[in-house]
Amino acid sequence: MRSIELYTQPACPPCEIVKQFLQHHHVSYKEFDVSKDASARKRMTTELESYSTPTIRVDQEIIRGFDLQALEKLLNIG
């Protein structure tokens, strides 16, 4: 099973679209709200080198920003 981390924040329409996409395809993920979780925010900016949401880590691959096509490809959906 793949490890999927989704870094989000409130009032982020692309974050909601990614969550709906993952739920629609029955893909399990762990969500981190970077507005409330300082350690997740630090991990996103330092380890993942991302400064925007949504940021998605699938195993060791990182998708920075909203890119459903890249996510579909990485998850072999579609």
C-alpha atoms as a PDB file:
ATOM      1  CA  MET A   1       0.000   0.000   0.000  1.00  0.00           C
ATOM      2  CA  ARG A   2       1.285   3.436  -0.906  1.00  0.00           C
ATOM      3  CA  SER A   3       1.974   6.084   1.688  1.00  0.00           C
ATOM      4  CA  ILE A   4       0.157   9.313   0.827  1.00  0.00           C
ATOM      5  CA  GLU A   5       0.477  12.558   2.764  1.00  0.00           C
ATOM      6  CA  LEU A   6      -1.647  15.580   1.875  1.00  0.00           C
ATOM      7  CA  TYR A   7      -0.620  18.996   3.203  1.00  0.00           C
ATOM      8  CA  THR A   8      -3.547  21.422   3.251  1.00  0.00           C
ATOM      9  CA  GLN A   9      -4.896  24.590   4.843  1.00  0.00           C
ATOM     10  CA  PRO A  10      -8.392  26.036   5.318  1.00  0.00           C
ATOM     11  CA  ALA A  11      -9.964  28.109   2.539  1.00  0.00           C
ATOM     12  CA  CYS A  12      -7.902  26.291  -0.100  1.00  0.00           C
ATOM     13  CA  PRO A  13     -10.249  25.233  -2.930  1.00  0.00           C
ATOM     14  CA  PRO A  14      -7.558  23.144  -4.705  1.00  0.00           C
ATOM     15  CA  CYS A  15      -6.983  21.255  -1.427  1.00  0.00           C
ATOM     16  CA  GLU A  16     -10.687  20.369  -1.297  1.00  0.00           C
ATOM     17  CA  ILE A  17     -10.629  19.187  -4.910  1.00  0.00           C
ATOM     18  CA  VAL A  18      -7.647  16.902  -4.212  1.00  0.00           C
ATOM     19  CA  LYS A  19      -9.381  15.457  -1.129  1.00  0.00           C
ATOM     20  CA  GLN A  20     -12.554  14.803  -3.143  1.00  0.00           C
ATOM     21  CA  PHE A  21     -10.494  13.232  -5.935  1.00  0.00           C
ATOM     22  CA  LEU A  22      -8.717  10.873  -3.516  1.00  0.00           C
ATOM     23  CA  GLN A  23     -11.972   9.955  -1.766  1.00  0.00           C
ATOM     24  CA  HIS A  24     -13.725   9.350  -5.094  1.00  0.00           C
ATOM     25  CA  HIS A  25     -10.980   6.885  -6.072  1.00  0.00           C
ATOM     26  CA  HIS A  26     -10.985   5.262  -2.603  1.00  0.00           C
ATOM     27  CA  VAL A  27      -7.382   6.266  -1.966  1.00  0.00           C
ATOM     28  CA  SER A  28      -6.334   6.418   1.690  1.00  0.00           C
ATOM     29  CA  TYR A  29      -4.256   9.395   2.758  1.00  0.00           C
ATOM     30  CA  LYS A  30      -3.110  11.241   5.849  1.00  0.00           C
ATOM     31  CA  GLU A  31      -3.983  14.932   5.930  1.00  0.00           C
ATOM     32  CA  PHE A  32      -1.870  17.593   7.619  1.00  0.00           C
ATOM     33  CA  ASP A  33      -3.359  21.068   8.153  1.00  0.00           C
ATOM     34  CA  VAL A  34      -0.285  23.309   7.994  1.00  0.00           C
ATOM     35  CA  SER A  35      -2.219  26.242   9.506  1.00  0.00           C
ATOM     36  CA  LYS A  36      -2.619  24.306  12.781  1.00  0.00           C
ATOM     37  CA  ASP A  37       0.308  21.870  12.750  1.00  0.00           C
ATOM     38  CA  ALA A  38       3.649  23.687  13.025  1.00  0.00           C
ATOM     39  CA  SER A  39       5.701  20.511  12.639  1.00  0.00           C
ATOM     40  CA  ALA A  40       3.817  19.604   9.437  1.00  0.00           C
ATOM     41  CA  ARG A  41       4.361  23.137   8.102  1.00  0.00           C
ATOM     42  CA  LYS A  42       8.082  22.861   8.854  1.00  0.00           C
ATOM     43  CA  ARG A  43       8.253  19.412   7.202  1.00  0.00           C
ATOM     44  CA  MET A  44       6.462  20.752   4.113  1.00  0.00           C
ATOM     45  CA  THR A  45       8.805  23.726   3.727  1.00  0.00           C
ATOM     46  CA  THR A  46      12.123  22.149   4.680  1.00  0.00           C
ATOM     47  CA  GLU A  47      11.911  18.452   3.836  1.00  0.00           C
ATOM     48  CA  LEU A  48       9.503  18.663   0.888  1.00  0.00           C
ATOM     49  CA  GLU A  49      10.746  22.102  -0.250  1.00  0.00           C
ATOM     50  CA  SER A  50       7.209  23.315  -0.868  1.00  0.00           C
ATOM     51  CA  TYR A  51       5.635  26.623   0.096  1.00  0.00           C
ATOM     52  CA  SER A  52       2.075  26.163  -1.144  1.00  0.00           C
ATOM     53  CA  THR A  53      -0.877  23.891  -0.643  1.00  0.00           C
ATOM     54  CA  PRO A  54      -1.872  21.400  -1.665  1.00  0.00           C
ATOM     55  CA  THR A  55       1.384  19.530  -1.414  1.00  0.00           C
ATOM     56  CA  ILE A  56       1.190  15.772  -1.828  1.00  0.00           C
ATOM     57  CA  ARG A  57       3.788  13.136  -1.050  1.00  0.00           C
ATOM     58  CA  VAL A  58       3.183   9.726  -2.626  1.00  0.00           C
ATOM     59  CA  ASP A  59       5.866   7.444  -1.212  1.00  0.00           C
ATOM     60  CA  GLN A  60       8.961   9.514  -2.067  1.00  0.00           C
ATOM     61  CA  GLU A  61       7.474  11.519  -4.963  1.00  0.00           C
ATOM     62  CA  ILE A  62       6.330  15.093  -4.292  1.00  0.00           C
ATOM     63  CA  ILE A  63       3.626  17.056  -6.105  1.00  0.00           C
ATOM     64  CA  ARG A  64       3.811  20.748  -5.275  1.00  0.00           C
ATOM     65  CA  GLY A  65       0.643  22.700  -5.955  1.00  0.00           C
ATOM     66  CA  PHE A  66      -2.512  21.624  -7.742  1.00  0.00           C
ATOM     67  CA  ASP A  67      -1.800  19.061 -10.465  1.00  0.00           C
ATOM     68  CA  LEU A  68      -4.441  16.344 -10.787  1.00  0.00           C
ATOM     69  CA  GLN A  69      -2.839  14.948 -13.947  1.00  0.00           C
ATOM     70  CA  ALA A  70       0.431  14.316 -12.109  1.00  0.00           C
ATOM     71  CA  LEU A  71      -1.481  12.733  -9.226  1.00  0.00           C
ATOM     72  CA  GLU A  72      -3.452  10.473 -11.600  1.00  0.00           C
ATOM     73  CA  LYS A  73      -0.224   9.366 -13.257  1.00  0.00           C
ATOM     74  CA  LEU A  74       1.546   8.723  -9.962  1.00  0.00           C
ATOM     75  CA  LEU A  75      -1.388   6.671  -8.653  1.00  0.00           C
ATOM     76  CA  ASN A  76      -2.069   4.925 -12.003  1.00  0.00           C
ATOM     77  CA  ILE A  77      -5.652   6.203 -12.069  1.00  0.00           C
ATOM     78  CA  GLY A  78      -7.530   6.935 -15.243  1.00  0.00           C
END
